[in-house]
Amino acid sequence: MIGNGNYQKLEAIFKKNGGFITREDVDKAGVNSWFLSDFVRKKNLQRIAPGLYVDESYTPDDYAILQRRYPKYIFSGMSALYLHQLTDKIPTRLEVTSPQSYNPSRKKIDSLSVRKVSSVEIYGLGVSEVKTIFGNSVKAYDEERTICDVIKFRDKYDAETFVKAIKLYIRRTNNQVKLFQYARMMGIEKEAFELLEVINNED
């Protein structure tokens, strides 16, 4: 009976994740790692990273997998623009923001760009839940925080991506109260106001 209950827990986790399971999930559920090993064997799962197992038919969701492995990473930059559909360009790498002291992996991940922030307030500013194209929920900065990041680090974006993202935001959401609140906290209020005024007048 105890064994059946543990397997039911693992099956529920596996289905909720959409075809993958992690050692962290199992530990949080209070299930002994032995059951995970047996579950992996019986379902013929593939190990694609330490503590991460997927069904052979699983279509890898890089966003969901990365955040399952490193839960303090918040998707930002081009990754956040893509998740919010503020760009039609598919990012060539995943971009995240993390606390300054967070170093979860000893190995460098080539397809990952990490921006570290020392301020706890700025790190947690505008965190939201968004869906990937595969329907999995991940943490990313909301549209206002993402636009503020784009303005603050505008030299990292080509002109087309930069202008298009802001125009799409203005046409679709345009919550300028929240946007300028964030901009004030990030020390870019004047720059944000001037840029939005210019781009608004272009239309």
N, C-alpha and C. Protein backbone atom coordinates (compact mmCIF):
# COMPACT_ATOMS: atom_id res chain seq x y z
N MET A 1 0.83 -1.21 0.00
CA MET A 1 0.00 0.00 0.00
C MET A 1 0.86 1.27 0.00
N ILE A 2 1.92 1.24 0.85
CA ILE A 2 2.80 2.40 0.92
C ILE A 2 3.48 2.63 -0.42
N GLY A 3 3.93 1.51 -1.01
CA GLY A 3 4.60 1.60 -2.31
C GLY A 3 3.69 2.16 -3.37
N ASN A 4 2.45 1.66 -3.41
CA ASN A 4 1.49 2.13 -4.40
C ASN A 4 1.23 3.62 -4.24
N GLY A 5 1.15 4.09 -3.00
CA GLY A 5 0.92 5.51 -2.75
C GLY A 5 2.06 6.36 -3.26
N ASN A 6 3.30 5.90 -3.09
CA ASN A 6 4.46 6.63 -3.57
C ASN A 6 4.49 6.69 -5.10
N TYR A 7 4.17 5.57 -5.72
CA TYR A 7 4.15 5.56 -7.18
C TYR A 7 3.06 6.47 -7.73
N GLN A 8 1.93 6.52 -7.02
CA GLN A 8 0.85 7.42 -7.45
C GLN A 8 1.30 8.89 -7.36
N LYS A 9 2.06 9.20 -6.32
CA LYS A 9 2.60 10.56 -6.17
C LYS A 9 3.54 10.89 -7.33
N LEU A 10 4.41 9.93 -7.67
CA LEU A 10 5.37 10.16 -8.75
C LEU A 10 4.65 10.30 -10.09
N GLU A 11 3.63 9.48 -10.30
CA GLU A 11 2.87 9.56 -11.55
C GLU A 11 2.16 10.90 -11.67
N ALA A 12 1.63 11.40 -10.54
CA ALA A 12 0.94 12.70 -10.54
C ALA A 12 1.92 13.83 -10.87
N ILE A 13 3.13 13.77 -10.30
CA ILE A 13 4.16 14.77 -10.58
C ILE A 13 4.54 14.73 -12.05
N PHE A 14 4.74 13.52 -12.55
CA PHE A 14 5.15 13.30 -13.94
C PHE A 14 4.12 13.89 -14.92
N LYS A 15 2.84 13.65 -14.64
CA LYS A 15 1.78 14.17 -15.52
C LYS A 15 1.66 15.69 -15.42
N LYS A 16 1.79 16.21 -14.19
CA LYS A 16 1.70 17.65 -14.00
C LYS A 16 2.81 18.38 -14.75
N ASN A 17 4.01 17.78 -14.77
CA ASN A 17 5.15 18.39 -15.46
C ASN A 17 5.06 18.24 -16.98
N GLY A 18 4.15 17.41 -17.44
CA GLY A 18 4.00 17.24 -18.88
C GLY A 18 5.01 16.28 -19.50
N GLY A 19 5.54 15.34 -18.67
CA GLY A 19 6.42 14.33 -19.26
C GLY A 19 7.83 14.30 -18.71
N PHE A 20 8.06 14.96 -17.58
CA PHE A 20 9.39 14.84 -16.96
C PHE A 20 9.25 14.88 -15.44
N ILE A 21 10.29 14.44 -14.76
CA ILE A 21 10.30 14.43 -13.30
C ILE A 21 11.71 14.71 -12.81
N THR A 22 11.83 15.40 -11.69
CA THR A 22 13.15 15.74 -11.16
C THR A 22 13.31 15.18 -9.75
N ARG A 23 14.55 15.01 -9.37
CA ARG A 23 14.84 14.54 -8.01
C ARG A 23 14.29 15.54 -6.98
N GLU A 24 14.36 16.81 -7.30
CA GLU A 24 13.85 17.85 -6.40
C GLU A 24 12.35 17.69 -6.19
N ASP A 25 11.60 17.39 -7.27
CA ASP A 25 10.17 17.15 -7.15
C ASP A 25 9.89 16.02 -6.17
N VAL A 26 10.67 14.96 -6.31
CA VAL A 26 10.48 13.76 -5.50
C VAL A 26 10.79 14.04 -4.03
N ASP A 27 11.87 14.77 -3.80
CA ASP A 27 12.24 15.11 -2.41
C ASP A 27 11.16 15.96 -1.76
N LYS A 28 10.61 16.93 -2.51
CA LYS A 28 9.57 17.80 -1.98
C LYS A 28 8.30 17.02 -1.65
N ALA A 29 8.05 15.95 -2.41
CA ALA A 29 6.86 15.13 -2.19
C ALA A 29 7.06 14.15 -1.04
N GLY A 30 8.28 14.10 -0.50
CA GLY A 30 8.56 13.22 0.63
C GLY A 30 8.65 11.76 0.26
N VAL A 31 9.05 11.49 -1.00
CA VAL A 31 9.17 10.12 -1.49
C VAL A 31 10.63 9.71 -1.49
N ASN A 32 10.91 8.51 -1.03
CA ASN A 32 12.28 7.99 -0.99
C ASN A 32 12.84 7.87 -2.41
N SER A 33 14.11 8.18 -2.57
CA SER A 33 14.74 8.15 -3.89
C SER A 33 14.71 6.77 -4.54
N TRP A 34 14.59 5.72 -3.72
CA TRP A 34 14.52 4.36 -4.29
C TRP A 34 13.34 4.23 -5.23
N PHE A 35 12.20 4.84 -4.83
CA PHE A 35 11.00 4.76 -5.65
C PHE A 35 11.20 5.50 -6.98
N LEU A 36 11.97 6.59 -6.95
CA LEU A 36 12.26 7.31 -8.18
C LEU A 36 13.06 6.43 -9.13
N SER A 37 14.08 5.76 -8.62
CA SER A 37 14.90 4.88 -9.46
C SER A 37 14.05 3.80 -10.10
N ASP A 38 13.15 3.21 -9.32
CA ASP A 38 12.28 2.16 -9.85
C ASP A 38 11.27 2.73 -10.84
N PHE A 39 10.78 3.93 -10.56
CA PHE A 39 9.83 4.60 -11.44
C PHE A 39 10.49 4.89 -12.80
N VAL A 40 11.72 5.38 -12.76
CA VAL A 40 12.47 5.67 -13.98
C VAL A 40 12.68 4.40 -14.79
N ARG A 41 13.01 3.32 -14.11
CA ARG A 41 13.26 2.04 -14.79
C ARG A 41 11.99 1.50 -15.44
N LYS A 42 10.89 1.51 -14.69
CA LYS A 42 9.64 0.94 -15.19
C LYS A 42 9.07 1.73 -16.36
N LYS A 43 9.25 3.05 -16.34
CA LYS A 43 8.71 3.89 -17.42
C LYS A 43 9.72 4.13 -18.53
N ASN A 44 10.91 3.55 -18.36
CA ASN A 44 11.97 3.68 -19.37
C ASN A 44 12.28 5.14 -19.68
N LEU A 45 12.44 5.94 -18.60
CA LEU A 45 12.73 7.36 -18.76
C LEU A 45 14.21 7.58 -19.07
N GLN A 46 14.49 8.70 -19.71
CA GLN A 46 15.86 9.05 -20.07
C GLN A 46 16.38 10.14 -19.14
N ARG A 47 17.61 9.97 -18.70
CA ARG A 47 18.26 10.98 -17.86
C ARG A 47 18.95 11.99 -18.78
N ILE A 48 18.46 13.23 -18.79
CA ILE A 48 19.04 14.24 -19.69
C ILE A 48 19.88 15.26 -18.95
N ALA A 49 19.83 15.21 -17.62
CA ALA A 49 20.63 16.10 -16.77
C ALA A 49 20.62 15.50 -15.37
N PRO A 50 21.54 15.90 -14.51
CA PRO A 50 21.55 15.36 -13.15
C PRO A 50 20.20 15.55 -12.45
N GLY A 51 19.59 14.45 -12.05
CA GLY A 51 18.32 14.52 -11.34
C GLY A 51 17.13 14.87 -12.19
N LEU A 52 17.23 14.77 -13.51
CA LEU A 52 16.15 15.14 -14.43
C LEU A 52 15.90 14.00 -15.42
N TYR A 53 14.67 13.50 -15.43
CA TYR A 53 14.32 12.35 -16.25
C TYR A 53 13.09 12.66 -17.09
N VAL A 54 13.14 12.26 -18.37
CA VAL A 54 12.05 12.58 -19.29
C VAL A 54 11.58 11.34 -20.03
N ASP A 55 10.35 11.38 -20.46
CA ASP A 55 9.81 10.34 -21.33
C ASP A 55 10.46 10.46 -22.70
N GLU A 56 10.62 9.33 -23.39
CA GLU A 56 11.29 9.36 -24.69
C GLU A 56 10.52 10.17 -25.73
N SER A 57 9.21 10.35 -25.51
CA SER A 57 8.41 11.14 -26.46
C SER A 57 8.29 12.60 -26.05
N TYR A 58 8.94 12.97 -24.95
CA TYR A 58 8.83 14.33 -24.43
C TYR A 58 9.55 15.32 -25.34
N THR A 59 8.86 16.39 -25.69
CA THR A 59 9.48 17.46 -26.45
C THR A 59 10.12 18.43 -25.46
N PRO A 60 11.44 18.51 -25.43
CA PRO A 60 12.11 19.32 -24.40
C PRO A 60 11.65 20.77 -24.38
N ASP A 61 11.23 21.22 -23.22
CA ASP A 61 10.89 22.62 -23.00
C ASP A 61 12.05 23.22 -22.21
N ASP A 62 12.97 23.86 -22.93
CA ASP A 62 14.20 24.35 -22.30
C ASP A 62 13.92 25.31 -21.16
N TYR A 63 12.86 26.11 -21.30
CA TYR A 63 12.53 27.08 -20.26
C TYR A 63 12.10 26.38 -18.97
N ALA A 64 11.19 25.42 -19.11
CA ALA A 64 10.69 24.71 -17.94
C ALA A 64 11.78 23.87 -17.29
N ILE A 65 12.58 23.20 -18.10
CA ILE A 65 13.65 22.35 -17.57
C ILE A 65 14.68 23.17 -16.81
N LEU A 66 15.10 24.31 -17.40
CA LEU A 66 16.10 25.14 -16.74
C LEU A 66 15.59 25.62 -15.38
N GLN A 67 14.34 26.06 -15.33
CA GLN A 67 13.84 26.59 -14.07
C GLN A 67 13.59 25.51 -13.03
N ARG A 68 13.28 24.31 -13.48
CA ARG A 68 13.16 23.21 -12.54
C ARG A 68 14.51 22.90 -11.91
N ARG A 69 15.55 23.02 -12.71
CA ARG A 69 16.89 22.74 -12.19
C ARG A 69 17.43 23.87 -11.33
N TYR A 70 17.12 25.11 -11.72
CA TYR A 70 17.65 26.29 -11.03
C TYR A 70 16.49 27.24 -10.71
N PRO A 71 15.75 26.97 -9.65
CA PRO A 71 14.50 27.71 -9.37
C PRO A 71 14.64 29.19 -9.08
N LYS A 72 15.83 29.68 -8.76
CA LYS A 72 15.99 31.11 -8.49
C LYS A 72 16.26 31.93 -9.75
N TYR A 73 16.43 31.27 -10.87
CA TYR A 73 16.60 31.99 -12.14
C TYR A 73 15.24 32.53 -12.58
N ILE A 74 15.19 33.82 -12.90
CA ILE A 74 13.99 34.46 -13.43
C ILE A 74 14.26 34.84 -14.88
N PHE A 75 13.41 34.41 -15.79
CA PHE A 75 13.65 34.72 -17.20
C PHE A 75 13.51 36.22 -17.43
N SER A 76 14.47 36.77 -18.16
CA SER A 76 14.53 38.21 -18.39
C SER A 76 15.07 38.47 -19.79
N GLY A 77 15.27 39.75 -20.12
CA GLY A 77 15.86 40.10 -21.41
C GLY A 77 15.08 39.55 -22.59
N MET A 78 15.80 39.01 -23.58
CA MET A 78 15.17 38.47 -24.78
C MET A 78 14.24 37.31 -24.45
N SER A 79 14.60 36.51 -23.45
CA SER A 79 13.74 35.39 -23.08
C SER A 79 12.40 35.88 -22.58
N ALA A 80 12.39 36.94 -21.78
CA ALA A 80 11.13 37.50 -21.27
C ALA A 80 10.34 38.15 -22.41
N LEU A 81 11.02 38.85 -23.30
CA LEU A 81 10.33 39.43 -24.47
C LEU A 81 9.64 38.34 -25.28
N TYR A 82 10.33 37.23 -25.47
CA TYR A 82 9.79 36.11 -26.24
C TYR A 82 8.59 35.49 -25.53
N LEU A 83 8.71 35.26 -24.23
CA LEU A 83 7.62 34.66 -23.47
C LEU A 83 6.38 35.54 -23.47
N HIS A 84 6.58 36.87 -23.45
CA HIS A 84 5.46 37.81 -23.46
C HIS A 84 5.01 38.18 -24.88
N GLN A 85 5.64 37.57 -25.86
CA GLN A 85 5.33 37.83 -27.28
C GLN A 85 5.52 39.30 -27.63
N LEU A 86 6.59 39.88 -27.09
CA LEU A 86 6.96 41.25 -27.41
C LEU A 86 8.07 41.28 -28.45
N THR A 87 8.42 40.11 -28.96
CA THR A 87 9.36 39.99 -30.07
C THR A 87 9.00 38.75 -30.86
N ASP A 88 9.25 38.79 -32.15
CA ASP A 88 9.03 37.60 -32.98
C ASP A 88 10.34 36.86 -33.26
N LYS A 89 11.40 37.34 -32.62
CA LYS A 89 12.70 36.68 -32.78
C LYS A 89 12.84 35.58 -31.73
N ILE A 90 13.24 34.41 -32.18
CA ILE A 90 13.47 33.30 -31.25
C ILE A 90 14.85 33.47 -30.64
N PRO A 91 14.94 33.60 -29.32
CA PRO A 91 16.25 33.81 -28.68
C PRO A 91 17.22 32.68 -28.98
N THR A 92 18.47 33.03 -29.19
CA THR A 92 19.50 32.03 -29.45
C THR A 92 20.04 31.42 -28.16
N ARG A 93 19.72 32.04 -27.04
CA ARG A 93 20.12 31.52 -25.73
C ARG A 93 19.12 31.97 -24.69
N LEU A 94 19.10 31.30 -23.57
CA LEU A 94 18.20 31.65 -22.49
C LEU A 94 18.84 32.75 -21.64
N GLU A 95 18.06 33.78 -21.33
CA GLU A 95 18.56 34.88 -20.50
C GLU A 95 17.79 34.90 -19.19
N VAL A 96 18.52 34.96 -18.10
CA VAL A 96 17.91 34.96 -16.77
C VAL A 96 18.58 35.98 -15.87
N THR A 97 17.88 36.31 -14.78
CA THR A 97 18.44 37.15 -13.72
C THR A 97 18.44 36.33 -12.44
N SER A 98 19.49 36.50 -11.64
CA SER A 98 19.59 35.74 -10.40
C SER A 98 20.17 36.60 -9.29
N PRO A 99 19.99 36.17 -8.03
CA PRO A 99 20.65 36.88 -6.94
C PRO A 99 22.16 36.80 -7.09
N GLN A 100 22.86 37.79 -6.59
CA GLN A 100 24.32 37.86 -6.72
C GLN A 100 25.01 36.60 -6.18
N SER A 101 24.49 36.07 -5.08
CA SER A 101 25.15 34.96 -4.41
C SER A 101 24.72 33.58 -4.91
N TYR A 102 23.83 33.54 -5.88
CA TYR A 102 23.29 32.25 -6.35
C TYR A 102 24.21 31.65 -7.40
N ASN A 103 24.86 30.54 -7.05
CA ASN A 103 25.76 29.84 -7.97
C ASN A 103 25.45 28.35 -7.93
N PRO A 104 24.36 27.94 -8.59
CA PRO A 104 23.91 26.55 -8.47
C PRO A 104 24.69 25.53 -9.29
N SER A 105 25.42 25.98 -10.28
CA SER A 105 26.13 25.04 -11.15
C SER A 105 27.59 25.40 -11.27
N ARG A 106 28.45 24.40 -11.15
CA ARG A 106 29.89 24.64 -11.29
C ARG A 106 30.29 24.75 -12.76
N LYS A 107 29.50 24.12 -13.61
CA LYS A 107 29.81 24.12 -15.04
C LYS A 107 29.09 25.26 -15.75
N LYS A 108 29.78 25.87 -16.68
CA LYS A 108 29.18 26.93 -17.48
C LYS A 108 28.24 26.33 -18.51
N ILE A 109 27.05 26.90 -18.64
CA ILE A 109 26.09 26.44 -19.63
C ILE A 109 26.18 27.39 -20.82
N ASP A 110 26.62 26.87 -21.96
CA ASP A 110 26.91 27.72 -23.12
C ASP A 110 25.69 28.49 -23.62
N SER A 111 24.52 27.89 -23.54
CA SER A 111 23.32 28.53 -24.08
C SER A 111 22.61 29.41 -23.07
N LEU A 112 23.30 29.75 -21.97
CA LEU A 112 22.67 30.51 -20.89
C LEU A 112 23.42 31.81 -20.61
N SER A 113 22.67 32.90 -20.45
CA SER A 113 23.25 34.18 -20.07
C SER A 113 22.62 34.60 -18.74
N VAL A 114 23.46 34.79 -17.73
CA VAL A 114 22.96 35.12 -16.39
C VAL A 114 23.36 36.54 -16.01
N ARG A 115 22.37 37.35 -15.63
CA ARG A 115 22.64 38.68 -15.10
C ARG A 115 22.41 38.63 -13.60
N LYS A 116 23.41 38.96 -12.82
CA LYS A 116 23.30 38.91 -11.37
C LYS A 116 23.00 40.30 -10.81
N VAL A 117 22.13 40.33 -9.81
CA VAL A 117 21.80 41.60 -9.16
C VAL A 117 22.01 41.44 -7.65
N SER A 118 22.53 42.49 -7.03
CA SER A 118 22.81 42.43 -5.60
C SER A 118 21.62 42.87 -4.76
N SER A 119 20.71 43.66 -5.35
CA SER A 119 19.55 44.16 -4.62
C SER A 119 18.43 43.13 -4.61
N VAL A 120 18.01 42.71 -3.43
CA VAL A 120 16.91 41.76 -3.30
C VAL A 120 15.62 42.37 -3.85
N GLU A 121 15.44 43.67 -3.64
CA GLU A 121 14.24 44.37 -4.10
C GLU A 121 14.15 44.37 -5.62
N ILE A 122 15.27 44.66 -6.28
CA ILE A 122 15.28 44.69 -7.75
C ILE A 122 15.15 43.28 -8.32
N TYR A 123 15.78 42.31 -7.68
CA TYR A 123 15.67 40.92 -8.14
C TYR A 123 14.21 40.47 -8.13
N GLY A 124 13.47 40.82 -7.10
CA GLY A 124 12.09 40.37 -6.97
C GLY A 124 11.06 41.28 -7.61
N LEU A 125 11.51 42.36 -8.25
CA LEU A 125 10.59 43.35 -8.82
C LEU A 125 9.94 42.83 -10.10
N GLY A 126 8.62 42.66 -10.06
CA GLY A 126 7.88 42.29 -11.27
C GLY A 126 7.92 40.83 -11.64
N VAL A 127 8.21 39.95 -10.70
CA VAL A 127 8.22 38.51 -11.01
C VAL A 127 6.79 38.05 -11.28
N SER A 128 6.60 37.30 -12.35
CA SER A 128 5.26 36.82 -12.70
C SER A 128 5.35 35.39 -13.24
N GLU A 129 4.21 34.76 -13.36
CA GLU A 129 4.12 33.41 -13.94
C GLU A 129 3.64 33.55 -15.37
N VAL A 130 4.35 32.94 -16.31
CA VAL A 130 3.93 32.96 -17.71
C VAL A 130 4.01 31.54 -18.27
N LYS A 131 3.31 31.33 -19.37
CA LYS A 131 3.29 30.02 -20.00
C LYS A 131 4.29 29.97 -21.16
N THR A 132 5.00 28.87 -21.28
CA THR A 132 5.86 28.65 -22.44
C THR A 132 4.98 28.19 -23.60
N ILE A 133 5.57 28.04 -24.77
CA ILE A 133 4.78 27.58 -25.93
C ILE A 133 4.29 26.15 -25.73
N PHE A 134 4.87 25.44 -24.76
CA PHE A 134 4.43 24.07 -24.47
C PHE A 134 3.41 24.02 -23.35
N GLY A 135 3.03 25.20 -22.83
CA GLY A 135 2.00 25.26 -21.80
C GLY A 135 2.49 25.11 -20.38
N ASN A 136 3.81 25.10 -20.18
CA ASN A 136 4.36 24.98 -18.83
C ASN A 136 4.52 26.36 -18.20
N SER A 137 4.24 26.46 -16.90
CA SER A 137 4.38 27.73 -16.18
C SER A 137 5.82 27.94 -15.74
N VAL A 138 6.36 29.12 -16.01
CA VAL A 138 7.71 29.47 -15.56
C VAL A 138 7.67 30.89 -15.01
N LYS A 139 8.70 31.24 -14.26
CA LYS A 139 8.79 32.58 -13.70
C LYS A 139 9.58 33.49 -14.64
N ALA A 140 8.99 34.62 -14.96
CA ALA A 140 9.65 35.62 -15.80
C ALA A 140 9.22 37.00 -15.29
N TYR A 141 10.01 38.00 -15.58
CA TYR A 141 9.60 39.35 -15.21
C TYR A 141 8.39 39.75 -16.06
N ASP A 142 7.48 40.50 -15.45
CA ASP A 142 6.29 40.92 -16.18
C ASP A 142 6.66 41.91 -17.28
N GLU A 143 5.67 42.32 -18.05
CA GLU A 143 5.93 43.16 -19.22
C GLU A 143 6.58 44.48 -18.84
N GLU A 144 6.10 45.09 -17.76
CA GLU A 144 6.64 46.40 -17.35
C GLU A 144 8.10 46.29 -16.94
N ARG A 145 8.42 45.28 -16.15
CA ARG A 145 9.81 45.09 -15.72
C ARG A 145 10.69 44.76 -16.93
N THR A 146 10.16 43.95 -17.83
CA THR A 146 10.92 43.58 -19.02
C THR A 146 11.23 44.81 -19.88
N ILE A 147 10.24 45.68 -20.06
CA ILE A 147 10.47 46.90 -20.84
C ILE A 147 11.49 47.80 -20.13
N CYS A 148 11.42 47.87 -18.82
CA CYS A 148 12.40 48.66 -18.06
C CYS A 148 13.81 48.08 -18.24
N ASP A 149 13.93 46.78 -18.23
CA ASP A 149 15.23 46.15 -18.46
C ASP A 149 15.75 46.46 -19.86
N VAL A 150 14.84 46.43 -20.83
CA VAL A 150 15.22 46.73 -22.21
C VAL A 150 15.75 48.17 -22.31
N ILE A 151 15.09 49.08 -21.62
CA ILE A 151 15.53 50.48 -21.63
C ILE A 151 16.86 50.63 -20.90
N LYS A 152 16.97 50.00 -19.75
CA LYS A 152 18.18 50.13 -18.94
C LYS A 152 19.40 49.54 -19.65
N PHE A 153 19.19 48.45 -20.38
CA PHE A 153 20.31 47.80 -21.07
C PHE A 153 20.14 47.87 -22.59
N ARG A 154 19.70 49.01 -23.07
CA ARG A 154 19.34 49.16 -24.48
C ARG A 154 20.49 48.89 -25.44
N ASP A 155 21.72 49.08 -25.00
CA ASP A 155 22.87 48.83 -25.87
C ASP A 155 23.01 47.36 -26.25
N LYS A 156 22.33 46.48 -25.54
CA LYS A 156 22.42 45.05 -25.82
C LYS A 156 21.40 44.58 -26.86
N TYR A 157 20.55 45.51 -27.32
CA TYR A 157 19.50 45.16 -28.26
C TYR A 157 19.68 45.92 -29.56
N ASP A 158 19.36 45.26 -30.68
CA ASP A 158 19.40 45.98 -31.94
C ASP A 158 18.21 46.93 -31.98
N ALA A 159 18.30 47.96 -32.82
CA ALA A 159 17.28 49.02 -32.84
C ALA A 159 15.90 48.48 -33.16
N GLU A 160 15.81 47.53 -34.08
CA GLU A 160 14.50 46.98 -34.48
C GLU A 160 13.82 46.27 -33.30
N THR A 161 14.58 45.44 -32.61
CA THR A 161 14.02 44.71 -31.47
C THR A 161 13.60 45.68 -30.37
N PHE A 162 14.45 46.65 -30.11
CA PHE A 162 14.21 47.63 -29.05
C PHE A 162 12.93 48.41 -29.29
N VAL A 163 12.79 49.00 -30.46
CA VAL A 163 11.63 49.84 -30.77
C VAL A 163 10.36 49.01 -30.89
N LYS A 164 10.46 47.86 -31.54
CA LYS A 164 9.27 47.02 -31.74
C LYS A 164 8.71 46.54 -30.41
N ALA A 165 9.56 46.16 -29.48
CA ALA A 165 9.10 45.68 -28.18
C ALA A 165 8.32 46.76 -27.44
N ILE A 166 8.84 47.98 -27.45
CA ILE A 166 8.18 49.07 -26.75
C ILE A 166 6.86 49.44 -27.43
N LYS A 167 6.85 49.44 -28.77
CA LYS A 167 5.62 49.75 -29.49
C LYS A 167 4.54 48.71 -29.23
N LEU A 168 4.93 47.44 -29.23
CA LEU A 168 3.97 46.37 -28.96
C LEU A 168 3.40 46.49 -27.56
N TYR A 169 4.28 46.83 -26.61
CA TYR A 169 3.82 47.01 -25.23
C TYR A 169 2.81 48.15 -25.14
N ILE A 170 3.12 49.28 -25.77
CA ILE A 170 2.23 50.45 -25.72
C ILE A 170 0.87 50.13 -26.33
N ARG A 171 0.87 49.42 -27.46
CA ARG A 171 -0.39 49.12 -28.15
C ARG A 171 -1.22 48.09 -27.39
N ARG A 172 -0.56 47.16 -26.72
CA ARG A 172 -1.28 46.04 -26.13
C ARG A 172 -1.60 46.22 -24.65
N THR A 173 -0.68 46.72 -23.87
CA THR A 173 -0.85 46.78 -22.42
C THR A 173 -0.83 48.21 -21.91
N ASN A 174 0.32 48.86 -22.04
CA ASN A 174 0.47 50.28 -21.74
C ASN A 174 0.02 50.67 -20.32
N ASN A 175 0.49 49.92 -19.32
CA ASN A 175 0.23 50.28 -17.93
C ASN A 175 1.37 51.19 -17.47
N GLN A 176 1.24 52.47 -17.82
CA GLN A 176 2.37 53.38 -17.57
C GLN A 176 2.54 53.72 -16.10
N VAL A 177 1.48 53.56 -15.30
CA VAL A 177 1.62 53.81 -13.86
C VAL A 177 2.60 52.80 -13.28
N LYS A 178 2.39 51.53 -13.60
CA LYS A 178 3.29 50.48 -13.11
C LYS A 178 4.67 50.61 -13.75
N LEU A 179 4.71 50.91 -15.04
CA LEU A 179 5.97 51.03 -15.75
C LEU A 179 6.87 52.09 -15.12
N PHE A 180 6.30 53.27 -14.85
CA PHE A 180 7.12 54.35 -14.30
C PHE A 180 7.42 54.14 -12.82
N GLN A 181 6.59 53.38 -12.16
CA GLN A 181 6.90 53.00 -10.78
C GLN A 181 8.16 52.12 -10.76
N TYR A 182 8.20 51.14 -11.67
CA TYR A 182 9.38 50.29 -11.79
C TYR A 182 10.59 51.11 -12.22
N ALA A 183 10.39 51.99 -13.21
CA ALA A 183 11.49 52.79 -13.72
C ALA A 183 12.10 53.66 -12.64
N ARG A 184 11.25 54.19 -11.78
CA ARG A 184 11.74 55.02 -10.66
C ARG A 184 12.60 54.18 -9.72
N MET A 185 12.15 52.99 -9.42
CA MET A 185 12.89 52.11 -8.51
C MET A 185 14.22 51.66 -9.12
N MET A 186 14.26 51.60 -10.45
CA MET A 186 15.47 51.15 -11.14
C MET A 186 16.37 52.30 -11.56
N GLY A 187 15.96 53.55 -11.23
CA GLY A 187 16.79 54.71 -11.53
C GLY A 187 16.81 55.13 -12.98
N ILE A 188 15.74 54.80 -13.73
CA ILE A 188 15.71 55.14 -15.16
C ILE A 188 14.42 55.88 -15.52
N GLU A 189 13.79 56.53 -14.57
CA GLU A 189 12.49 57.16 -14.82
C GLU A 189 12.57 58.22 -15.93
N LYS A 190 13.55 59.09 -15.87
CA LYS A 190 13.69 60.15 -16.87
C LYS A 190 13.92 59.55 -18.26
N GLU A 191 14.80 58.58 -18.34
CA GLU A 191 15.12 57.95 -19.62
C GLU A 191 13.89 57.23 -20.19
N ALA A 192 13.15 56.54 -19.32
CA ALA A 192 11.96 55.82 -19.77
C ALA A 192 10.90 56.79 -20.28
N PHE A 193 10.69 57.89 -19.57
CA PHE A 193 9.70 58.89 -19.97
C PHE A 193 10.05 59.47 -21.34
N GLU A 194 11.30 59.84 -21.53
CA GLU A 194 11.72 60.45 -22.79
C GLU A 194 11.59 59.47 -23.96
N LEU A 195 11.98 58.21 -23.73
CA LEU A 195 11.91 57.22 -24.80
C LEU A 195 10.46 56.92 -25.20
N LEU A 196 9.61 56.73 -24.21
CA LEU A 196 8.21 56.44 -24.53
C LEU A 196 7.54 57.62 -25.22
N GLU A 197 7.92 58.84 -24.85
CA GLU A 197 7.35 60.02 -25.50
C GLU A 197 7.77 60.07 -26.96
N VAL A 198 9.05 59.80 -27.23
CA VAL A 198 9.54 59.80 -28.62
C VAL A 198 8.85 58.73 -29.45
N ILE A 199 8.78 57.50 -28.91
CA ILE A 199 8.19 56.39 -29.65
C ILE A 199 6.69 56.59 -29.84
N ASN A 200 6.02 57.15 -28.84
CA ASN A 200 4.59 57.46 -29.00
C ASN A 200 4.35 58.46 -30.12
N ASN A 201 5.23 59.46 -30.22
CA ASN A 201 5.07 60.51 -31.24
C ASN A 201 5.39 60.01 -32.63
N GLU A 202 6.13 58.90 -32.72
CA GLU A 202 6.46 58.34 -34.04
C GLU A 202 5.21 57.81 -34.74
N ASP A 203 4.24 57.39 -33.93
CA ASP A 203 2.99 56.86 -34.50
C ASP A 203 2.00 57.99 -34.79
